[in-house]
Amino acid sequence: MYKQWIATDGQRFAPAVIRNYAKDDFAGLIEVQALSFPPPFPSELWWNEEQLEEHVARFPEGALCAEMDGRIVGSMTALRRTFRDGDCHDWASVTDNGYIRCHEPEGDTLYVVDICVAPAYRRFGFGKWLMQSMYETVVHLGCARLLGGGRMPGYRLVADRYSPEEYLEQVVSGERKDPVLSFLLSCGRTPAGVVRHYLDDRDSCDNAALMEWRNPFLSR
């Protein structure tokens, strides 16, 4: 994939690119992870070069990065899997701890491993551009949907009053905003349930909302 446009934050305009990442991008990708997920997020969950090697070797179509000002400013990674109704999973098991060695070339679901944008570039809309690009990959590959676990970092503040399912319903209804879930909803993702013990994530109390986007060009 390669797309180029003029990005803007409402004040500045600059050329931007979304493309598949390669080995020369690894240092930049790891830097964006560090900027996007500062402590208390565990640094051992940032990408390492061995994981990135697996991404570009096993499923390069699912390895996307955003570039601006001559540097990597964001990335999104996915793999293909097939899920049966009622299948339960956590992030580590479904992504092979981010190594994607469990990638299924004929899997019916494009599963999001990670998406991140450096804070200084978020107002340029790179998150939505990356998401839209992955939707295009779903259509191009003929997958049924895009699926992934969305963090709910605002949940810890109200966890003593509401279940994670109730919190998700409040975000969907517009009663409450969440930094991650509200973004995913604005990108067209819809809830497909809550997964407990999904990821070691203090702010989400280890919960995640499964969020999907269905391929509109496939009959159901």
Protein backbone atom coordinates (compact mmCIF):
# COMPACT_ATOMS: atom_id res chain seq x y z
CA MET A 1 0.00 0.00 0.00
CA TYR A 2 1.11 3.54 -0.68
CA LYS A 3 -1.03 6.66 -0.32
CA GLN A 4 0.03 10.28 -0.17
CA TRP A 5 -1.94 13.39 0.78
CA ILE A 6 -1.59 16.78 2.44
CA ALA A 7 -2.27 16.43 6.16
CA THR A 8 -3.41 19.31 8.34
CA ASP A 9 -4.10 20.00 11.98
CA GLY A 10 -6.14 23.07 11.04
CA GLN A 11 -3.10 25.35 11.07
CA ARG A 12 -0.24 23.61 9.30
CA PHE A 13 -0.31 21.68 6.03
CA ALA A 14 2.37 19.11 5.18
CA PRO A 15 2.81 16.06 2.90
CA ALA A 16 2.01 12.74 4.57
CA VAL A 17 2.29 9.10 3.52
CA ILE A 18 0.84 5.78 4.61
CA ARG A 19 2.74 2.74 3.37
CA ASN A 20 3.86 -0.73 4.37
CA TYR A 21 6.77 -0.64 6.77
CA ALA A 22 10.10 -2.42 6.23
CA LYS A 23 13.30 -3.20 8.11
CA ASP A 24 14.71 0.31 7.67
CA ASP A 25 11.72 1.64 9.62
CA PHE A 26 12.21 -0.48 12.76
CA ALA A 27 14.01 2.16 14.86
CA GLY A 28 11.36 4.74 14.02
CA LEU A 29 8.53 2.34 14.82
CA ILE A 30 9.99 1.54 18.24
CA GLU A 31 10.47 5.25 18.94
CA VAL A 32 6.79 5.90 18.20
CA GLN A 33 5.83 3.09 20.59
CA ALA A 34 7.85 4.70 23.38
CA LEU A 35 6.23 8.09 22.73
CA SER A 36 2.73 6.63 22.49
CA PHE A 37 2.86 4.32 25.51
CA PRO A 38 4.89 6.01 28.27
CA PRO A 39 5.09 4.63 31.83
CA PRO A 40 3.23 3.15 33.64
CA PHE A 41 2.61 1.20 30.40
CA PRO A 42 5.17 -1.65 30.53
CA SER A 43 8.05 -0.99 28.13
CA GLU A 44 8.42 -4.71 27.45
CA LEU A 45 5.18 -4.44 25.46
CA TRP A 46 6.73 -1.99 22.99
CA TRP A 47 7.72 -3.56 19.68
CA ASN A 48 11.12 -5.19 19.46
CA GLU A 49 13.02 -5.90 16.26
CA GLU A 50 12.29 -9.63 16.30
CA GLN A 51 8.55 -8.97 16.37
CA LEU A 52 8.81 -6.43 13.57
CA GLU A 53 10.82 -8.89 11.49
CA GLU A 54 7.95 -11.36 11.81
CA HIS A 55 5.41 -8.73 10.76
CA VAL A 56 7.11 -7.83 7.51
CA ALA A 57 7.98 -11.46 6.70
CA ARG A 58 4.67 -13.16 7.52
CA PHE A 59 2.07 -10.55 6.61
CA PRO A 60 3.45 -7.35 5.06
CA GLU A 61 -0.06 -6.28 3.97
CA GLY A 62 -0.93 -5.85 7.65
CA ALA A 63 2.16 -3.78 8.52
CA LEU A 64 1.37 -0.10 7.94
CA CYS A 65 3.14 3.07 9.00
CA ALA A 66 2.44 6.79 8.68
CA GLU A 67 5.20 9.21 7.74
CA MET A 68 5.47 13.00 7.96
CA ASP A 69 8.30 15.49 8.30
CA GLY A 70 10.73 12.76 7.22
CA ARG A 71 9.96 10.50 10.19
CA ILE A 72 7.64 7.69 11.25
CA VAL A 73 4.75 9.20 13.22
CA GLY A 74 2.38 6.25 13.56
CA SER A 75 1.79 2.60 12.77
CA MET A 76 -0.89 -0.07 12.64
CA THR A 77 -0.32 -3.81 12.54
CA ALA A 78 -2.71 -6.70 11.92
CA LEU A 79 -2.77 -10.43 11.19
CA ARG A 80 -5.37 -12.82 9.81
CA ARG A 81 -7.23 -15.29 12.03
CA THR A 82 -10.47 -17.26 11.90
CA PHE A 83 -12.78 -17.18 14.90
CA ARG A 84 -15.76 -19.39 15.72
CA ASP A 85 -18.79 -18.12 17.62
CA GLY A 86 -18.08 -18.07 21.31
CA ASP A 87 -14.28 -18.22 20.96
CA CYS A 88 -12.55 -16.44 23.85
CA HIS A 89 -9.07 -15.02 23.67
CA ASP A 90 -6.68 -12.49 25.10
CA TRP A 91 -4.19 -10.25 23.31
CA ALA A 92 -1.22 -12.51 23.98
CA SER A 93 -2.83 -15.67 22.64
CA VAL A 94 -4.47 -14.20 19.56
CA THR A 95 -1.35 -12.29 18.45
CA ASP A 96 1.33 -14.72 19.69
CA ASN A 97 2.55 -11.98 22.05
CA GLY A 98 2.86 -9.66 19.07
CA TYR A 99 5.05 -12.02 17.02
CA ILE A 100 2.07 -13.07 14.80
CA ARG A 101 3.54 -16.54 14.17
CA CYS A 102 -0.09 -17.70 14.49
CA HIS A 103 -1.04 -15.74 11.36
CA GLU A 104 -3.47 -17.71 9.16
CA PRO A 105 -3.05 -16.72 5.49
CA GLU A 106 -6.68 -17.64 4.76
CA GLY A 107 -8.17 -16.34 8.01
CA ASP A 108 -11.54 -14.61 7.62
CA THR A 109 -10.82 -11.84 10.13
CA LEU A 110 -8.19 -9.13 9.98
CA TYR A 111 -7.23 -8.75 13.65
CA VAL A 112 -5.65 -5.55 14.96
CA VAL A 113 -2.45 -6.20 16.87
CA ASP A 114 -1.64 -2.56 17.57
CA ILE A 115 -2.26 1.02 16.49
CA CYS A 116 -0.35 4.04 17.75
CA VAL A 117 0.38 7.64 16.75
CA ALA A 118 3.03 9.89 18.31
CA PRO A 119 1.23 12.46 20.52
CA ALA A 120 2.61 15.48 18.63
CA TYR A 121 0.95 14.26 15.41
CA ARG A 122 -2.45 13.07 16.62
CA ARG A 123 -4.26 16.27 15.62
CA PHE A 124 -3.39 15.53 11.98
CA GLY A 125 -5.83 12.60 11.96
CA PHE A 126 -3.30 9.84 11.39
CA GLY A 127 -5.23 7.39 13.54
CA LYS A 128 -8.26 7.61 11.27
CA TRP A 129 -6.10 7.47 8.14
CA LEU A 130 -4.45 4.28 9.39
CA MET A 131 -7.80 2.76 10.32
CA GLN A 132 -9.31 3.59 6.95
CA SER A 133 -6.28 2.08 5.24
CA MET A 134 -6.76 -1.16 7.18
CA TYR A 135 -10.45 -1.20 6.16
CA GLU A 136 -9.24 -1.01 2.57
CA THR A 137 -6.97 -3.98 3.29
CA VAL A 138 -9.97 -5.94 4.61
CA VAL A 139 -11.83 -5.29 1.34
CA HIS A 140 -8.79 -5.97 -0.84
CA LEU A 141 -8.15 -9.35 0.81
CA GLY A 142 -11.82 -10.32 0.91
CA CYS A 143 -11.90 -10.69 4.70
CA ALA A 144 -15.22 -10.57 6.52
CA ARG A 145 -14.22 -7.95 9.08
CA LEU A 146 -11.65 -6.02 11.04
CA LEU A 147 -11.64 -6.95 14.73
CA GLY A 148 -9.56 -5.97 17.73
CA GLY A 149 -9.62 -5.36 21.46
CA GLY A 150 -9.93 -1.69 22.37
CA ARG A 151 -8.50 -0.47 25.65
CA MET A 152 -10.87 1.42 27.95
CA PRO A 153 -8.42 3.63 29.86
CA GLY A 154 -11.15 5.68 31.53
CA TYR A 155 -12.73 2.65 33.16
CA ARG A 156 -10.51 2.51 36.26
CA LEU A 157 -11.99 5.78 37.51
CA VAL A 158 -15.51 4.31 37.68
CA ALA A 159 -14.77 0.58 38.11
CA ASP A 160 -16.20 0.61 41.65
CA ARG A 161 -19.59 1.69 40.27
CA TYR A 162 -19.99 0.05 36.87
CA SER A 163 -19.16 -3.19 35.14
CA PRO A 164 -17.00 -2.93 32.00
CA GLU A 165 -20.11 -3.77 29.94
CA GLU A 166 -22.02 -0.88 31.53
CA TYR A 167 -19.07 1.45 30.93
CA LEU A 168 -18.98 0.47 27.27
CA GLU A 169 -22.72 1.12 26.94
CA GLN A 170 -22.24 4.59 28.44
CA VAL A 171 -19.51 5.40 25.93
CA VAL A 172 -21.58 4.12 23.01
CA SER A 173 -24.60 6.18 24.10
CA GLY A 174 -22.49 9.33 24.35
CA GLU A 175 -23.04 9.60 28.09
CA ARG A 176 -19.31 9.21 28.70
CA LYS A 177 -16.13 9.69 26.65
CA ASP A 178 -13.16 7.36 26.60
CA PRO A 179 -9.85 8.24 24.88
CA VAL A 180 -9.67 4.94 23.00
CA LEU A 181 -13.24 3.69 22.66
CA SER A 182 -14.62 7.06 21.55
CA PHE A 183 -11.91 7.21 18.89
CA LEU A 184 -12.74 3.72 17.62
CA LEU A 185 -16.44 4.57 17.46
CA SER A 186 -15.64 7.72 15.49
CA CYS A 187 -13.79 5.50 12.98
CA GLY A 188 -16.86 3.37 12.38
CA ARG A 189 -16.01 0.44 14.66
CA THR A 190 -18.91 -1.15 16.56
CA PRO A 191 -18.88 -3.14 19.84
CA ALA A 192 -18.89 -6.93 19.70
CA GLY A 193 -18.56 -7.60 23.43
CA VAL A 194 -16.19 -7.17 26.36
CA VAL A 195 -13.20 -9.40 27.07
CA ARG A 196 -11.92 -9.63 30.63
CA HIS A 197 -8.25 -10.35 31.38
CA TYR A 198 -7.41 -9.24 27.84
CA LEU A 199 -4.18 -7.37 28.59
CA ASP A 200 -2.13 -6.28 31.57
CA ASP A 201 -3.58 -2.76 31.64
CA ARG A 202 -4.13 -1.02 34.95
CA ASP A 203 -6.26 1.82 33.56
CA SER A 204 -8.64 -0.62 31.84
CA CYS A 205 -8.63 -3.00 34.82
CA ASP A 206 -7.34 -5.57 32.30
CA ASN A 207 -10.56 -5.33 30.24
CA ALA A 208 -11.01 -4.59 26.55
CA ALA A 209 -13.98 -3.96 24.27
CA LEU A 210 -13.99 -6.09 21.13
CA MET A 211 -14.60 -3.61 18.32
CA GLU A 212 -15.29 -4.66 14.74
CA TRP A 213 -15.86 -3.25 11.25
CA ARG A 214 -17.75 -5.45 8.81
CA ASN A 215 -16.79 -5.63 5.14
CA PRO A 216 -19.78 -3.98 3.43
CA PHE A 217 -19.01 -5.68 0.11
CA LEU A 218 -19.62 -9.22 1.40
CA SER A 219 -23.10 -10.68 1.73
CA ARG A 220 -24.01 -11.83 5.22
